[in-house]
Protein backbone atom coordinates (compact mmCIF):
# COMPACT_ATOMS: atom_id res chain seq x y z
CA MET A 1 -0.07 0.02 0.02
CA LEU A 2 0.94 3.57 -0.52
CA SER A 3 1.73 5.58 2.56
CA SER A 4 0.03 9.20 3.64
CA ILE A 5 -0.12 11.53 6.71
CA GLU A 6 -3.10 13.70 6.99
CA ILE A 7 -3.68 16.94 8.98
CA CYS A 8 -6.85 18.21 10.37
CA ALA A 9 -8.13 14.54 10.07
CA GLY A 10 -11.54 15.21 11.77
CA ALA A 11 -13.77 12.20 12.03
CA GLY A 12 -12.09 10.33 9.48
CA GLY A 13 -14.15 10.77 6.26
CA GLN A 14 -11.23 11.58 4.12
CA ALA A 15 -8.83 9.30 5.87
CA LEU A 16 -11.59 6.28 5.44
CA GLY A 17 -11.69 7.35 1.71
CA LEU A 18 -8.12 7.17 1.44
CA GLU A 19 -7.74 4.09 2.85
CA GLN A 20 -10.39 2.50 0.73
CA ALA A 21 -8.22 4.01 -2.30
CA GLY A 22 -4.94 1.90 -1.28
CA PHE A 23 -3.49 4.35 1.26
CA LYS A 24 -1.86 3.19 4.58
CA HIS A 25 -1.96 6.16 7.11
CA ALA A 26 1.38 6.70 9.01
CA THR A 27 0.09 9.44 10.84
CA LEU A 28 -3.05 11.31 11.42
CA VAL A 29 -3.14 15.00 13.32
CA GLU A 30 -6.25 16.27 14.90
CA ILE A 31 -6.88 18.58 17.33
CA GLU A 32 -10.28 17.81 18.89
CA GLU A 33 -10.50 15.13 21.38
CA PRO A 34 -13.88 13.54 20.39
CA ALA A 35 -12.67 13.41 16.67
CA CYS A 36 -9.50 11.65 17.84
CA LYS A 37 -11.27 9.14 19.81
CA THR A 38 -13.87 8.58 16.82
CA LEU A 39 -10.62 7.70 14.69
CA ILE A 40 -9.10 5.40 17.40
CA TYR A 41 -12.23 3.34 18.04
CA ASN A 42 -12.80 2.72 14.40
CA ARG A 43 -9.12 2.23 13.55
CA SER A 44 -7.19 1.11 16.66
CA ASP A 45 -4.21 0.68 14.37
CA TRP A 46 -3.93 4.40 13.13
CA ASN A 47 -1.14 6.43 14.75
CA VAL A 48 -3.49 9.28 15.84
CA ILE A 49 -1.76 12.52 17.19
CA ARG A 50 -4.19 14.78 19.09
CA GLY A 51 -2.66 18.55 18.83
CA ASP A 52 -2.22 21.44 16.77
CA VAL A 53 -1.14 21.28 13.19
CA LYS A 54 1.25 24.17 14.05
CA ASP A 55 3.07 22.23 16.64
CA PHE A 56 3.59 19.06 14.09
CA SER A 57 6.46 18.43 12.32
CA ALA A 58 6.77 16.23 8.87
CA VAL A 59 10.65 15.79 9.04
CA ASP A 60 10.47 12.16 10.07
CA TYR A 61 8.02 11.61 6.99
CA LYS A 62 10.45 12.40 4.01
CA GLY A 63 9.57 11.28 0.71
CA ILE A 64 5.95 9.57 2.04
CA ASP A 65 3.61 9.14 -0.72
CA LEU A 66 0.60 11.74 0.09
CA LEU A 67 0.18 14.39 2.33
CA ALA A 68 -3.95 14.89 2.66
CA GLY A 69 -5.89 17.08 5.04
CA GLY A 70 -9.02 19.18 4.99
CA VAL A 71 -7.59 22.37 6.62
CA PRO A 72 -10.32 24.50 8.30
CA CYS A 73 -13.31 26.28 6.04
CA PRO A 74 -14.17 29.32 8.01
CA PRO A 75 -11.30 31.63 6.87
CA PHE A 76 -13.22 31.21 3.31
CA SER A 77 -16.78 30.07 4.00
CA VAL A 78 -19.50 32.22 2.87
CA ALA A 79 -21.22 31.29 6.17
CA GLY A 80 -18.42 33.36 7.90
CA LYS A 81 -16.42 36.46 7.64
CA GLN A 82 -14.33 35.29 4.84
CA LEU A 83 -10.88 36.82 6.25
CA GLY A 84 -8.88 34.41 4.45
CA LYS A 85 -4.97 34.94 5.35
CA ASN A 86 -6.27 37.43 8.12
CA ASP A 87 -7.97 34.54 9.66
CA GLU A 88 -5.90 32.64 12.56
CA ARG A 89 -7.63 29.57 11.65
CA ASP A 90 -6.03 29.52 8.07
CA LEU A 91 -3.81 26.62 8.11
CA PHE A 92 -3.00 26.50 4.52
CA PRO A 93 0.54 28.22 5.55
CA GLU A 94 1.22 25.02 7.96
CA ALA A 95 0.16 22.76 4.93
CA LEU A 96 3.18 24.53 2.96
CA ARG A 97 5.56 24.01 5.80
CA LEU A 98 4.67 20.53 5.96
CA ILE A 99 5.16 20.00 2.00
CA SER A 100 8.54 21.50 2.21
CA GLU A 101 9.42 19.09 5.30
CA CYS A 102 8.70 15.99 4.27
CA THR A 103 8.28 16.43 0.07
CA PRO A 104 5.43 14.07 -0.66
CA LYS A 105 5.08 12.60 -4.06
CA ALA A 106 1.56 13.78 -3.87
CA VAL A 107 -0.82 16.52 -1.97
CA MET A 108 -4.31 16.60 -1.77
CA LEU A 109 -6.09 19.37 0.33
CA GLU A 110 -10.16 19.88 0.41
CA ASN A 111 -11.86 23.21 1.59
CA VAL A 112 -15.29 24.82 0.93
CA LYS A 113 -16.45 26.39 -2.52
CA GLY A 114 -15.95 29.73 -1.27
CA LEU A 115 -12.37 29.45 -1.58
CA LEU A 116 -12.87 29.92 -5.13
CA ALA A 117 -14.61 33.26 -4.69
CA PRO A 118 -13.24 36.22 -6.49
CA LYS A 119 -11.88 38.04 -3.57
CA PHE A 120 -9.48 35.09 -3.03
CA LYS A 121 -8.08 34.98 -6.65
CA ASP A 122 -4.92 36.31 -5.42
CA TYR A 123 -4.79 34.00 -2.28
CA CYS A 124 -5.31 30.89 -4.55
CA THR A 125 -2.55 32.12 -7.25
CA ASN A 126 0.07 32.80 -4.45
CA LEU A 127 -0.67 29.43 -2.86
CA THR A 128 -0.31 27.80 -6.22
CA GLU A 129 2.91 29.56 -7.09
CA GLN A 130 4.48 28.54 -3.69
CA ILE A 131 3.63 24.88 -3.79
CA GLU A 132 4.92 25.01 -7.54
CA GLY A 133 8.17 26.68 -6.22
CA LEU A 134 8.81 23.51 -4.12
CA GLY A 135 8.52 21.17 -7.38
CA TYR A 136 4.90 20.36 -8.12
CA THR A 137 2.18 20.77 -10.70
CA VAL A 138 -0.93 22.01 -8.97
CA PHE A 139 -4.50 20.89 -9.98
CA TRP A 140 -7.65 22.65 -8.53
CA LYS A 141 -11.34 21.22 -9.19
CA LEU A 142 -14.60 21.84 -7.80
CA LEU A 143 -16.23 18.48 -7.16
CA ASN A 144 -19.90 17.95 -5.82
CA ALA A 145 -20.35 14.96 -3.56
CA CYS A 146 -23.58 13.89 -5.38
CA ASP A 147 -21.40 12.73 -8.31
CA PHE A 148 -20.11 10.31 -6.13
CA GLY A 149 -23.07 8.50 -4.96
CA VAL A 150 -23.39 10.92 -1.76
CA PRO A 151 -27.18 12.12 -1.37
CA GLN A 152 -26.40 15.58 -1.00
CA LEU A 153 -25.27 18.31 -3.02
CA ARG A 154 -22.17 19.34 -1.18
CA PRO A 155 -19.61 21.08 -3.35
CA ARG A 156 -15.82 21.00 -2.14
CA VAL A 157 -12.72 22.62 -3.83
CA VAL A 158 -9.75 19.97 -3.89
CA LEU A 159 -6.23 21.15 -4.59
CA VAL A 160 -3.94 18.16 -5.78
CA ALA A 161 -0.43 18.60 -6.35
CA LEU A 162 1.89 15.86 -7.76
CA LEU A 163 5.99 16.04 -8.10
CA ASN A 164 6.66 17.82 -11.66
CA ASP A 165 7.72 14.32 -13.05
CA ILE A 166 4.79 12.32 -12.46
CA ALA A 167 2.00 15.24 -12.64
CA HIS A 168 1.32 14.37 -16.43
CA LYS A 169 -0.18 10.67 -15.06
CA PHE A 170 -2.99 12.40 -12.96
CA GLU A 171 -6.43 12.87 -14.04
CA TRP A 172 -9.41 14.04 -12.26
CA PRO A 173 -12.29 11.15 -11.82
CA GLU A 174 -14.71 11.41 -14.50
CA SER A 175 -17.29 8.84 -14.09
CA LYS A 176 -20.42 9.93 -12.17
CA ILE A 177 -22.41 7.67 -9.73
CA GLU A 178 -26.18 8.41 -9.59
CA PRO A 179 -27.03 9.27 -5.81
CA PRO A 180 -30.02 7.73 -4.07
CA THR A 181 -32.74 10.28 -2.98
CA VAL A 182 -32.84 11.32 0.96
CA GLY A 183 -36.07 8.88 1.23
CA GLU A 184 -34.06 5.73 -0.78
CA ALA A 185 -30.99 6.55 1.71
CA LEU A 186 -33.04 6.71 4.78
CA PHE A 187 -35.96 4.68 4.70
CA ASP A 188 -34.29 1.81 6.51
CA LYS A 189 -33.29 4.11 9.20
CA MET A 190 -36.49 5.65 9.38
CA SER A 191 -38.56 2.64 9.29
CA ILE A 192 -36.82 0.58 11.70
CA ASP A 193 -38.97 1.42 14.84
CA GLY A 194 -42.01 0.81 12.96
CA TRP A 195 -43.20 4.46 12.07
CA GLU A 196 -46.23 3.35 9.86
CA MET A 197 -45.78 6.61 7.34
CA ALA A 198 -42.28 5.82 6.46
CA GLU A 199 -43.14 4.56 3.01
CA GLU A 200 -45.25 7.87 2.43
CA TRP A 201 -42.23 9.92 3.75
CA LYS A 202 -39.94 8.18 1.49
CA SER A 203 -41.86 8.96 -1.76
CA PHE A 204 -41.96 12.55 -0.53
CA ALA A 205 -38.30 13.09 0.20
CA ASN A 206 -37.57 12.07 -3.60
CA LYS A 207 -34.67 14.59 -4.04
CA ILE A 208 -31.01 14.68 -2.74
CA ALA A 209 -30.29 16.70 0.29
CA PRO A 210 -29.00 20.13 0.67
CA THR A 211 -25.27 20.42 1.72
CA LEU A 212 -25.18 19.18 5.34
CA VAL A 213 -24.03 22.19 7.70
CA GLY A 214 -23.97 22.79 11.37
CA GLY A 215 -20.57 21.67 12.34
CA SER A 216 -19.66 24.89 13.80
CA LYS A 217 -19.27 25.27 17.45
CA LYS A 218 -20.80 28.73 16.95
CA HIS A 219 -24.09 26.63 16.95
CA GLY A 220 -25.82 26.01 20.50
CA GLY A 221 -26.62 22.69 19.52
CA PRO A 222 -26.92 20.39 16.31
CA ASP A 223 -28.97 21.73 13.64
CA LEU A 224 -29.36 21.59 9.84
CA GLY A 225 -28.23 25.07 9.22
CA PRO A 226 -29.76 28.40 8.67
CA THR A 227 -33.28 29.35 7.69
CA ARG A 228 -32.91 28.62 3.97
CA ALA A 229 -31.36 25.15 4.95
CA LYS A 230 -33.77 24.28 7.24
CA LYS A 231 -36.62 25.24 4.47
CA ALA A 232 -34.83 23.03 2.03
CA TRP A 233 -34.84 20.08 4.58
CA ALA A 234 -38.59 20.76 5.08
CA ASP A 235 -39.29 20.52 1.51
CA LEU A 236 -38.04 16.95 2.11
CA GLY A 237 -40.18 16.26 4.92
CA VAL A 238 -37.35 16.71 7.63
CA ASP A 239 -37.65 18.94 10.61
CA GLY A 240 -33.97 20.71 10.51
CA ARG A 241 -34.32 22.39 13.92
CA GLY A 242 -32.31 19.72 15.71
CA ILE A 243 -31.11 16.22 15.66
CA ALA A 244 -33.23 13.19 17.03
CA ASP A 245 -32.19 10.78 19.70
CA ALA A 246 -33.95 8.19 17.85
CA PRO A 247 -36.10 7.30 14.54
CA PRO A 248 -39.79 8.09 14.72
CA LYS A 249 -41.90 5.28 16.30
CA ASN A 250 -45.33 3.95 15.33
CA GLY A 251 -47.87 6.90 15.84
CA PHE A 252 -45.47 9.67 15.14
CA LYS A 253 -46.95 12.71 13.48
CA GLY A 254 -45.46 15.54 11.55
CA MET A 255 -42.02 15.69 10.18
CA PRO A 256 -39.23 13.52 11.46
CA ARG A 257 -35.62 14.85 12.44
CA LEU A 258 -32.42 13.26 11.25
CA THR A 259 -30.50 11.43 13.92
CA VAL A 260 -26.72 10.96 14.01
CA PRO A 261 -26.69 7.87 11.92
CA MET A 262 -29.02 9.26 9.18
CA ALA A 263 -26.85 12.29 9.18
CA ALA A 264 -23.88 10.07 8.66
CA THR A 265 -25.52 8.22 5.68
CA ILE A 266 -26.18 11.84 4.10
CA GLN A 267 -22.47 12.62 4.36
CA GLY A 268 -21.63 9.16 2.84
CA PHE A 269 -20.38 7.47 5.73
CA PRO A 270 -20.91 3.65 6.04
CA ASP A 271 -23.05 2.25 8.83
CA SER A 272 -20.03 0.58 10.48
CA TRP A 273 -18.34 3.82 11.12
CA LYS A 274 -19.02 5.14 14.46
CA PHE A 275 -18.88 8.53 16.13
CA PHE A 276 -17.56 9.11 19.69
CA GLY A 277 -19.53 11.39 22.05
CA ARG A 278 -23.19 12.47 22.70
CA LYS A 279 -25.44 14.03 20.18
CA THR A 280 -23.74 17.38 19.72
CA PRO A 281 -20.07 16.65 19.41
CA ALA A 282 -21.04 13.40 17.09
CA TYR A 283 -23.21 15.61 14.59
CA ARG A 284 -20.31 18.28 14.57
CA GLN A 285 -17.79 15.95 13.14
CA ILE A 286 -20.07 14.69 10.81
CA GLY A 287 -21.02 18.28 9.65
CA ASN A 288 -17.24 19.02 9.24
CA ALA A 289 -16.34 15.93 7.39
CA PHE A 290 -15.29 15.35 3.77
CA PRO A 291 -17.60 12.48 2.42
CA PRO A 292 -15.51 9.19 2.01
CA PRO A 293 -16.69 8.25 -1.43
CA VAL A 294 -15.08 11.46 -2.93
CA ALA A 295 -12.07 11.29 -0.90
CA LYS A 296 -11.71 7.53 -2.37
CA ALA A 297 -12.25 8.59 -6.07
CA VAL A 298 -9.81 11.34 -5.82
CA GLY A 299 -7.54 9.19 -3.94
CA LEU A 300 -7.78 6.39 -6.73
CA CYS A 301 -6.84 9.05 -9.28
CA ILE A 302 -3.71 10.13 -7.26
CA LYS A 303 -2.55 6.33 -6.76
CA ASN A 304 -3.02 5.79 -10.45
CA ALA A 305 -0.63 8.58 -10.98
CA LEU A 306 1.95 7.21 -8.41
CA VAL A 307 1.92 3.60 -9.28
CA ASN A 308 1.56 3.56 -13.31
């Protein structure tokens, strides 16, 4: 298997997808304790380091195959102040430092669609030039999770960089996988406790989900986002004002809420992947995750460039 290190690993969405693509993680770095416990619970053989990326050095991983990560989104998110390089949470400079320290064969970094906004054009150009200065060819792409079988739109910007001598072998994934509707994806979980309206609800929830949000600590508790997002969920027969402790039971009236496992399904996680912590920290991990199917698809393209 190819080797990798991952920064800002979160609850393991990207790490799981890259593992499925054929990468063995040498180290995963994550600052949040619940997310670290999720990683260790699901993969006890992974070397998980709890700590700030700013304190992590990659000098011991010289020549590793892949450096990956999902650096924090708030500096570029339209839901925030979009402070970019002036936001203390901007960790692209740390990613650059780590690239220079370990000289990986490939790099994969993901972020929100807002990174490609006109106001960040100079930022992206500068970032590209700095990576190119380290001997890499840089590729940018806006990918929608729904094109990879994930039942929500979830646009994400992905940066891939490969050493110049192998970069010509890289191609973005082209084939698309038709996603299930929300009703199709969640019917088994909605009906498991005998809710007699589950079939009717499945027929009503006949589209993919809006982009799952609500992963910010600024929220007092787990919900499915601002007013516009809640309305989009209501159009699918889902109450977006919170997360339920359990699926609806026989006799339930009204719109059901998602449970944590349902949110994980919407994000593309397999049922086998469990999240540490109570409802709020578990949902935040899911809300911040990179869908595993997308990470797997891009990872396979990187792998193809590295081994062929």
